[in-house]
Amino acid sequence: MPNHYDKDFDRDNLGGGGQNDVADLMIDAEEFKSKGDTFYISSKFEQAHKAYEIARDLVIDHCLDVGRESMEARELKLQIVLALVESAYQIGWWEDALVYAQEGIQMNNEIARLYHLHAKALVGLENLHLAHVSLLKAKNLDGDNEDIQADIGYVEQKIADEEANQ
């Protein structure tokens, strides 16, 4: 899994302590997600992404320490993964967006936004046919979403253009 944070941007520098007990890991994860949200709202997408990566790691550490994934941890992790997809997409890190979208879809395959962002990452990677499949899944989950419908039209046109040029 890609990890883009550097030595100057870690748990200690953002507020989480490195020596957490199990209960503190979820609290720290929520704090990092909140910091990521603040960065995201300020269009500081790389800093947001870094904070979300740390939050995700903390949730994973929590689950490993307790030996299971609670509903609370699973829900927080899903929110963080969706945020990771959004921030990676905003930065243009298509591979990261794709990996995190796939992780989110594995966690809950009923979220149209995950399929939509999965498709957008695939368009960024110039894989239009798979993007079209993801967009159709998104449409099946949220058929009234105008952005999804517009992106389906865009991808279908790009596919038609490619086929006409062959």
Protein backbone atom coordinates (compact mmCIF):
# COMPACT_ATOMS: atom_id res chain seq x y z
CA MET A 1 0.00 0.00 0.00
CA PRO A 2 1.43 3.41 -0.88
CA ASN A 3 2.58 5.49 2.04
CA HIS A 4 3.31 9.11 1.21
CA TYR A 5 4.00 10.65 4.59
CA ASP A 6 7.53 11.58 5.48
CA LYS A 7 9.55 11.83 8.69
CA ASP A 8 8.31 15.36 9.41
CA PHE A 9 4.68 14.36 9.21
CA ASP A 10 3.99 11.50 11.57
CA ARG A 11 1.88 10.55 14.56
CA ASP A 12 4.02 12.51 17.02
CA ASN A 13 3.90 15.70 14.94
CA LEU A 14 0.14 15.60 14.37
CA GLY A 15 -0.93 14.92 17.91
CA GLY A 16 -1.02 11.14 18.29
CA GLY A 17 1.56 9.60 20.57
CA GLY A 18 3.61 6.69 19.39
CA GLN A 19 3.00 4.69 22.60
CA ASN A 20 -0.77 4.26 22.56
CA ASP A 21 -2.82 1.70 24.37
CA VAL A 22 -5.63 -0.02 22.49
CA ALA A 23 -8.36 2.44 23.51
CA ASP A 24 -6.27 5.44 22.50
CA LEU A 25 -5.69 4.11 18.98
CA MET A 26 -9.31 4.70 17.94
CA ILE A 27 -9.36 8.14 19.56
CA ASP A 28 -6.14 9.05 17.76
CA ALA A 29 -7.52 7.66 14.48
CA GLU A 30 -10.59 9.88 14.83
CA GLU A 31 -8.35 12.88 15.55
CA PHE A 32 -6.21 12.21 12.48
CA LYS A 33 -9.30 11.81 10.32
CA SER A 34 -10.57 15.13 11.65
CA LYS A 35 -7.21 16.78 10.90
CA GLY A 36 -7.36 15.27 7.42
CA ASP A 37 -10.83 16.69 6.93
CA THR A 38 -9.59 20.12 7.96
CA PHE A 39 -6.72 19.91 5.47
CA TYR A 40 -9.08 18.65 2.76
CA ILE A 41 -11.53 21.52 3.26
CA SER A 42 -8.56 23.90 2.93
CA SER A 43 -7.59 22.20 -0.37
CA LYS A 44 -4.39 20.87 1.22
CA PHE A 45 -4.97 17.47 -0.33
CA GLU A 46 -1.51 15.98 0.21
CA GLN A 47 -1.54 16.84 3.92
CA ALA A 48 -5.09 15.48 4.15
CA HIS A 49 -3.99 12.26 2.47
CA LYS A 50 -1.09 11.87 4.89
CA ALA A 51 -3.36 12.37 7.89
CA TYR A 52 -5.87 9.87 6.50
CA GLU A 53 -3.11 7.29 5.94
CA ILE A 54 -2.06 7.63 9.57
CA ALA A 55 -5.68 7.36 10.71
CA ARG A 56 -6.14 4.19 8.65
CA ASP A 57 -2.95 2.70 10.10
CA LEU A 58 -4.16 3.46 13.62
CA VAL A 59 -7.49 1.70 13.01
CA ILE A 60 -5.65 -1.31 11.59
CA ASP A 61 -3.31 -1.33 14.62
CA HIS A 62 -6.34 -1.17 16.93
CA CYS A 63 -7.97 -4.15 15.18
CA LEU A 64 -4.74 -6.16 15.33
CA ASP A 65 -4.32 -5.38 19.04
CA VAL A 66 -7.86 -6.45 19.97
CA GLY A 67 -7.85 -9.37 17.55
CA ARG A 68 -11.01 -8.40 15.69
CA GLU A 69 -12.67 -5.58 13.77
CA SER A 70 -15.52 -4.00 15.72
CA MET A 71 -18.41 -2.31 13.93
CA GLU A 72 -17.12 1.04 15.19
CA ALA A 73 -13.64 0.36 13.78
CA ARG A 74 -15.05 -0.93 10.49
CA GLU A 75 -17.25 2.16 10.04
CA LEU A 76 -14.39 4.54 10.85
CA LYS A 77 -12.03 2.66 8.54
CA LEU A 78 -14.59 2.86 5.72
CA GLN A 79 -14.95 6.62 6.23
CA ILE A 80 -11.16 6.98 6.20
CA VAL A 81 -10.76 4.82 3.09
CA LEU A 82 -13.37 6.92 1.27
CA ALA A 83 -11.47 10.05 2.34
CA LEU A 84 -8.23 8.48 1.05
CA VAL A 85 -9.86 7.83 -2.32
CA GLU A 86 -11.16 11.40 -2.48
CA SER A 87 -7.81 12.95 -1.56
CA ALA A 88 -5.80 10.70 -3.90
CA TYR A 89 -8.20 11.60 -6.71
CA GLN A 90 -7.81 15.33 -6.00
CA ILE A 91 -4.01 15.00 -6.11
CA GLY A 92 -4.05 12.90 -9.27
CA TRP A 93 -2.60 9.81 -7.63
CA TRP A 94 -4.67 7.46 -9.80
CA GLU A 95 -3.05 4.23 -8.59
CA ASP A 96 -3.61 5.14 -4.94
CA ALA A 97 -7.18 6.19 -5.64
CA LEU A 98 -7.78 2.90 -7.42
CA VAL A 99 -6.26 0.78 -4.62
CA TYR A 100 -8.20 2.56 -1.89
CA ALA A 101 -11.44 2.48 -3.91
CA GLN A 102 -11.03 -1.28 -4.32
CA GLU A 103 -10.42 -1.62 -0.58
CA GLY A 104 -13.56 0.39 0.15
CA ILE A 105 -15.63 -1.63 -2.32
CA GLN A 106 -14.46 -4.83 -0.62
CA MET A 107 -15.63 -3.40 2.70
CA ASN A 108 -19.01 -2.21 1.37
CA ASN A 109 -20.07 -2.72 -2.24
CA GLU A 110 -23.21 -0.61 -1.86
CA ILE A 111 -21.56 2.83 -1.99
CA ALA A 112 -22.01 4.47 -5.39
CA ARG A 113 -19.36 7.11 -4.63
CA LEU A 114 -16.68 4.42 -4.30
CA TYR A 115 -17.53 2.98 -7.72
CA HIS A 116 -17.68 6.49 -9.18
CA LEU A 117 -14.22 7.38 -7.85
CA HIS A 118 -12.95 3.95 -8.88
CA ALA A 119 -14.08 4.79 -12.42
CA LYS A 120 -12.51 8.25 -12.31
CA ALA A 121 -9.17 6.74 -11.27
CA LEU A 122 -9.45 4.25 -14.12
CA VAL A 123 -10.09 7.13 -16.54
CA GLY A 124 -6.96 8.79 -15.16
CA LEU A 125 -5.11 5.56 -15.92
CA GLU A 126 -6.73 5.50 -19.38
CA ASN A 127 -8.61 2.24 -18.77
CA LEU A 128 -11.92 3.40 -20.21
CA HIS A 129 -13.63 0.02 -20.55
CA LEU A 130 -13.18 -0.88 -16.87
CA ALA A 131 -14.14 2.69 -15.95
CA HIS A 132 -17.37 2.21 -17.87
CA VAL A 133 -18.12 -0.98 -15.91
CA SER A 134 -17.55 0.85 -12.59
CA LEU A 135 -19.73 3.75 -13.71
CA LEU A 136 -22.55 1.37 -14.56
CA LYS A 137 -22.27 -0.16 -11.08
CA ALA A 138 -22.38 3.34 -9.59
CA LYS A 139 -25.44 4.13 -11.68
CA ASN A 140 -27.16 0.95 -10.47
CA LEU A 141 -26.65 2.15 -6.90
CA ASP A 142 -27.50 5.82 -7.50
CA GLY A 143 -29.33 6.17 -10.79
CA ASP A 144 -30.38 9.77 -10.17
CA ASN A 145 -26.83 11.07 -9.72
CA GLU A 146 -26.23 13.55 -12.54
CA ASP A 147 -22.43 13.45 -12.13
CA ILE A 148 -22.41 9.69 -12.67
CA GLN A 149 -24.66 10.04 -15.71
CA ALA A 150 -22.45 12.77 -17.16
CA ASP A 151 -19.32 10.69 -16.61
CA ILE A 152 -20.96 7.70 -18.31
CA GLY A 153 -21.64 9.89 -21.34
CA TYR A 154 -18.06 11.19 -21.30
CA VAL A 155 -16.53 7.70 -21.09
CA GLU A 156 -18.85 6.28 -23.74
CA GLN A 157 -17.86 9.14 -26.07
CA LYS A 158 -14.15 8.59 -25.38
CA ILE A 159 -14.56 4.85 -26.11
CA ALA A 160 -16.42 5.62 -29.34
CA ASP A 161 -13.71 8.10 -30.35
CA GLU A 162 -10.97 5.53 -29.68
CA GLU A 163 -12.79 2.87 -31.69
CA ALA A 164 -13.36 5.29 -34.58
CA ASN A 165 -9.64 6.11 -34.65
CA GLN A 166 -8.56 2.47 -34.88
